[in-house]
């Protein structure tokens, strides 16, 4: 068992936070598990209750645990940090972190594009597009809500059933031979609305990021997406040189 070092220049609460975080990252405590009580942690590591509370507060700030008053402290889905240095897929990124990606297609229909969508996808307004609203989960935590538009002429016979079970980019590659290779994505800070709060199980007004993405294959825009990503579980990082 890792020990707290009284004579270390590192603050006691930070040492304890590091020890507890390591247990979570090593899967000694898994998502949904209840941590030992404050009293038990005080006794096990020989620290004060104030030290324990500071450590737990830091873990909660980092998104590793969630404290429920009168119930206890529970391991939650950790924050996901996505570097914006190359093209990425939510599903692939979730898998890299040991999380199970899952999509729920809440809406799926065919219609005509608005002028903005027609311009984005280089279509006429008389052409048809697929519209799909997807709920993007990591394990059982909803991470993002996305509305996606795809040209029907590029992807004939696309179905809701296959998108319910297979990541979109896998369908485009395996069924249609379309390999996406680049994207232009923009973000902005927003507060989630009432409907989004119901889906995320968060209070309306909670912080989030809105995104707009143009996805390309060989220079042709094949997907236009707008969405909302929850701000307490997902963080984007840009490395500047």
Protein backbone atom coordinates (compact mmCIF):
# COMPACT_ATOMS: atom_id res chain seq x y z
CA UNK A 1 0.00 0.00 0.00
CA UNK A 2 1.28 3.48 -0.90
CA UNK A 3 2.03 5.61 2.14
CA UNK A 4 1.64 9.28 2.94
CA UNK A 5 5.03 10.91 3.63
CA UNK A 6 4.75 13.47 6.42
CA UNK A 7 8.15 15.05 5.64
CA UNK A 8 7.53 15.37 1.89
CA UNK A 9 7.37 18.86 0.33
CA UNK A 10 4.24 17.66 -1.49
CA UNK A 11 1.07 18.59 0.37
CA UNK A 12 -0.64 15.71 2.18
CA UNK A 13 -3.92 16.12 0.34
CA UNK A 14 -2.09 16.01 -3.02
CA UNK A 15 -0.26 12.83 -2.03
CA UNK A 16 -3.56 11.24 -1.05
CA UNK A 17 -5.24 12.43 -4.23
CA UNK A 18 -2.44 10.85 -6.29
CA UNK A 19 -2.77 7.53 -4.44
CA UNK A 20 -6.54 7.40 -4.88
CA UNK A 21 -6.36 8.48 -8.52
CA UNK A 22 -3.86 5.70 -9.21
CA UNK A 23 -6.27 3.13 -7.78
CA UNK A 24 -8.95 4.39 -10.14
CA UNK A 25 -6.69 4.46 -13.19
CA UNK A 26 -5.46 0.93 -12.38
CA UNK A 27 -9.08 -0.26 -12.16
CA UNK A 28 -8.77 -1.28 -8.52
CA UNK A 29 -11.90 0.86 -8.21
CA UNK A 30 -14.07 0.82 -11.30
CA UNK A 31 -16.80 3.13 -12.58
CA UNK A 32 -19.73 2.99 -10.17
CA UNK A 33 -17.71 1.67 -7.21
CA UNK A 34 -18.10 3.46 -3.89
CA UNK A 35 -14.86 4.72 -2.31
CA UNK A 36 -14.14 4.07 1.36
CA UNK A 37 -15.75 6.58 3.71
CA UNK A 38 -13.88 9.67 4.89
CA UNK A 39 -13.41 8.00 8.27
CA UNK A 40 -12.00 4.85 6.65
CA UNK A 41 -9.58 6.87 4.51
CA UNK A 42 -8.43 8.86 7.55
CA UNK A 43 -7.72 5.64 9.42
CA UNK A 44 -6.05 3.86 6.48
CA UNK A 45 -3.69 6.71 5.55
CA UNK A 46 -3.24 8.40 8.91
CA UNK A 47 -4.45 11.82 7.79
CA UNK A 48 -7.06 14.29 8.98
CA UNK A 49 -10.59 14.56 7.66
CA UNK A 50 -9.72 17.97 6.17
CA UNK A 51 -6.93 16.33 4.15
CA UNK A 52 -9.30 13.62 2.92
CA UNK A 53 -11.94 16.16 1.91
CA UNK A 54 -9.40 18.24 0.01
CA UNK A 55 -8.18 15.16 -1.86
CA UNK A 56 -11.74 14.10 -2.75
CA UNK A 57 -12.59 17.62 -3.86
CA UNK A 58 -9.60 17.56 -6.23
CA UNK A 59 -10.62 14.17 -7.62
CA UNK A 60 -14.12 15.48 -8.21
CA UNK A 61 -12.75 18.58 -9.93
CA UNK A 62 -10.74 16.31 -12.22
CA UNK A 63 -13.87 14.31 -13.03
CA UNK A 64 -12.70 11.02 -11.50
CA UNK A 65 -15.31 10.81 -8.74
CA UNK A 66 -18.70 12.21 -7.91
CA UNK A 67 -19.74 12.90 -4.32
CA UNK A 68 -23.35 12.36 -3.32
CA UNK A 69 -24.24 14.00 -0.03
CA UNK A 70 -25.24 11.50 2.61
CA UNK A 71 -24.50 8.56 0.30
CA UNK A 72 -20.78 8.53 -0.47
CA UNK A 73 -18.17 9.12 -3.16
CA UNK A 74 -18.34 7.10 -6.38
CA UNK A 75 -15.97 6.51 -9.28
CA UNK A 76 -17.28 8.13 -12.42
CA UNK A 77 -16.25 8.25 -16.07
CA UNK A 78 -13.02 10.30 -16.17
CA UNK A 79 -12.69 13.45 -18.22
CA UNK A 80 -11.54 12.80 -21.73
CA UNK A 81 -8.84 15.08 -23.11
CA UNK A 82 -8.77 15.14 -26.89
CA UNK A 83 -5.77 16.67 -28.66
CA UNK A 84 -6.68 18.59 -31.79
CA UNK A 85 -3.51 17.83 -33.72
CA UNK A 86 -5.00 15.32 -36.16
CA UNK A 87 -8.27 13.88 -37.39
CA UNK A 88 -10.09 11.94 -34.66
CA UNK A 89 -13.17 9.80 -34.10
CA UNK A 90 -15.14 9.88 -30.85
CA UNK A 91 -15.62 6.10 -31.00
CA UNK A 92 -11.90 5.42 -31.50
CA UNK A 93 -10.89 7.87 -28.77
CA UNK A 94 -13.29 6.31 -26.27
CA UNK A 95 -11.91 2.83 -27.02
CA UNK A 96 -8.32 4.03 -26.51
CA UNK A 97 -9.28 5.02 -22.98
CA UNK A 98 -10.88 1.67 -22.17
CA UNK A 99 -14.42 3.00 -22.56
CA UNK A 100 -17.18 1.34 -24.54
CA UNK A 101 -18.48 3.69 -27.27
CA UNK A 102 -22.16 3.46 -28.08
CA UNK A 103 -24.42 5.45 -30.39
CA UNK A 104 -28.16 5.85 -30.23
CA UNK A 105 -29.73 7.24 -33.38
CA UNK A 106 -32.65 9.20 -31.96
CA UNK A 107 -33.80 10.51 -35.34
CA UNK A 108 -33.18 9.38 -38.91
CA UNK A 109 -34.88 10.81 -41.98
CA UNK A 110 -34.36 11.97 -45.55
CA UNK A 111 -35.11 15.53 -46.61
CA UNK A 112 -33.92 18.52 -48.56
CA UNK A 113 -31.01 20.62 -47.27
CA UNK A 114 -31.23 24.18 -46.07
CA UNK A 115 -29.15 26.67 -48.07
CA UNK A 116 -26.33 26.45 -45.49
CA UNK A 117 -26.22 22.65 -45.54
CA UNK A 118 -26.47 22.57 -49.33
CA UNK A 119 -23.49 24.91 -49.55
CA UNK A 120 -21.50 22.88 -47.02
CA UNK A 121 -22.07 19.61 -48.90
CA UNK A 122 -21.88 21.16 -52.40
CA UNK A 123 -25.48 20.17 -53.18
CA UNK A 124 -28.49 21.77 -54.76
CA UNK A 125 -31.41 22.55 -52.48
CA UNK A 126 -33.46 20.08 -54.55
CA UNK A 127 -31.02 17.26 -53.67
CA UNK A 128 -31.64 14.97 -50.72
CA UNK A 129 -29.70 14.55 -47.49
CA UNK A 130 -29.87 12.14 -44.60
CA UNK A 131 -30.46 13.77 -41.23
CA UNK A 132 -29.50 11.81 -38.15
CA UNK A 133 -29.50 12.90 -34.54
CA UNK A 134 -27.08 10.77 -32.55
CA UNK A 135 -26.51 10.40 -28.82
CA UNK A 136 -22.83 9.55 -28.26
CA UNK A 137 -22.10 7.50 -25.13
CA UNK A 138 -18.91 6.39 -23.38
CA UNK A 139 -19.99 3.40 -21.31
CA UNK A 140 -23.33 4.64 -19.96
CA UNK A 141 -22.46 8.35 -19.86
CA UNK A 142 -23.84 10.59 -22.60
CA UNK A 143 -20.92 12.64 -23.92
CA UNK A 144 -22.32 14.43 -26.96
CA UNK A 145 -25.48 15.12 -28.93
CA UNK A 146 -24.86 15.46 -32.67
CA UNK A 147 -26.99 16.33 -35.69
CA UNK A 148 -25.37 15.04 -38.87
CA UNK A 149 -26.17 15.60 -42.54
CA UNK A 150 -24.95 13.29 -45.33
CA UNK A 151 -25.56 13.41 -49.11
CA UNK A 152 -27.98 10.68 -50.19
CA UNK A 153 -26.34 10.46 -53.63
CA UNK A 154 -23.03 9.41 -52.02
CA UNK A 155 -24.52 6.93 -49.58
CA UNK A 156 -27.57 5.23 -51.10
CA UNK A 157 -29.53 2.81 -48.92
CA UNK A 158 -27.99 4.02 -45.67
CA UNK A 159 -30.14 2.72 -42.80
CA UNK A 160 -30.79 3.59 -39.17
CA UNK A 161 -30.25 -0.03 -38.10
CA UNK A 162 -26.63 -0.15 -39.27
CA UNK A 163 -25.86 3.23 -37.66
CA UNK A 164 -27.30 1.99 -34.38
CA UNK A 165 -24.72 -0.79 -34.26
CA UNK A 166 -21.72 0.49 -36.25
CA UNK A 167 -19.76 3.77 -36.03
CA UNK A 168 -20.59 6.12 -38.89
CA UNK A 169 -17.07 6.31 -40.32
CA UNK A 170 -16.83 2.51 -40.30
CA UNK A 171 -20.06 2.33 -42.33
CA UNK A 172 -18.80 4.93 -44.81
CA UNK A 173 -15.52 3.07 -45.25
CA UNK A 174 -16.73 -0.54 -45.30
CA UNK A 175 -20.00 -0.13 -47.19
CA UNK A 176 -19.23 2.75 -49.54
CA UNK A 177 -15.43 2.81 -49.75
CA UNK A 178 -15.34 6.41 -48.52
CA UNK A 179 -12.40 7.04 -46.17
CA UNK A 180 -12.60 10.36 -44.34
CA UNK A 181 -9.17 11.94 -44.05
CA UNK A 182 -9.59 15.50 -42.77
CA UNK A 183 -12.02 17.83 -41.06
CA UNK A 184 -12.54 21.46 -40.15
CA UNK A 185 -14.00 21.85 -36.70
CA UNK A 186 -14.94 24.91 -34.65
CA UNK A 187 -16.00 25.17 -31.00
CA UNK A 188 -17.67 27.69 -28.74
CA UNK A 189 -18.76 27.85 -25.13
CA UNK A 190 -22.50 27.43 -24.53
CA UNK A 191 -24.96 26.58 -21.76
CA UNK A 192 -27.12 23.52 -22.33
CA UNK A 193 -30.85 24.04 -22.75
CA UNK A 194 -33.70 22.24 -21.02
CA UNK A 195 -34.00 19.38 -23.53
CA UNK A 196 -30.24 18.83 -23.61
CA UNK A 197 -30.20 18.88 -19.81
CA UNK A 198 -32.78 16.10 -19.75
CA UNK A 199 -30.64 13.98 -22.05
CA UNK A 200 -27.34 14.72 -20.27
CA UNK A 201 -29.03 14.48 -16.85
CA UNK A 202 -27.58 17.87 -15.99
CA UNK A 203 -29.25 21.12 -14.89
CA UNK A 204 -30.10 23.53 -17.71
CA UNK A 205 -27.37 26.16 -17.94
CA UNK A 206 -24.55 23.67 -17.29
CA UNK A 207 -21.40 24.41 -19.34
CA UNK A 208 -20.88 22.73 -22.69
CA UNK A 209 -19.15 23.18 -26.03
CA UNK A 210 -20.98 23.53 -29.29
CA UNK A 211 -19.21 22.13 -32.32
CA UNK A 212 -19.49 22.49 -36.07
CA UNK A 213 -17.63 19.99 -38.24
CA UNK A 214 -17.04 19.70 -41.98
CA UNK A 215 -15.60 16.27 -42.78
CA UNK A 216 -13.77 15.55 -46.02
CA UNK A 217 -12.73 12.56 -48.11
CA UNK A 218 -10.29 13.38 -50.89
CA UNK A 219 -11.17 17.06 -50.70
CA UNK A 220 -14.95 16.46 -50.96
CA UNK A 221 -17.14 17.38 -47.99
CA UNK A 222 -19.08 14.21 -47.14
CA UNK A 223 -20.46 15.11 -43.71
CA UNK A 224 -21.71 18.24 -41.97
CA UNK A 225 -22.32 17.99 -38.22
CA UNK A 226 -23.37 20.33 -35.46
CA UNK A 227 -23.53 19.22 -31.86
CA UNK A 228 -23.11 19.81 -28.15
CA UNK A 229 -20.37 18.20 -26.05
CA UNK A 230 -20.69 18.17 -22.27
CA UNK A 231 -18.13 20.43 -20.66
CA UNK A 232 -17.69 18.47 -17.43
CA UNK A 233 -16.51 15.27 -19.15
CA UNK A 234 -14.73 16.34 -22.32
CA UNK A 235 -11.88 18.75 -22.84
CA UNK A 236 -10.08 19.64 -26.08
CA UNK A 237 -6.38 20.45 -26.10
CA UNK A 238 -4.38 22.32 -28.73
CA UNK A 239 -0.58 22.20 -28.79
CA UNK A 240 0.91 25.42 -30.14
CA UNK A 241 4.47 25.55 -31.43
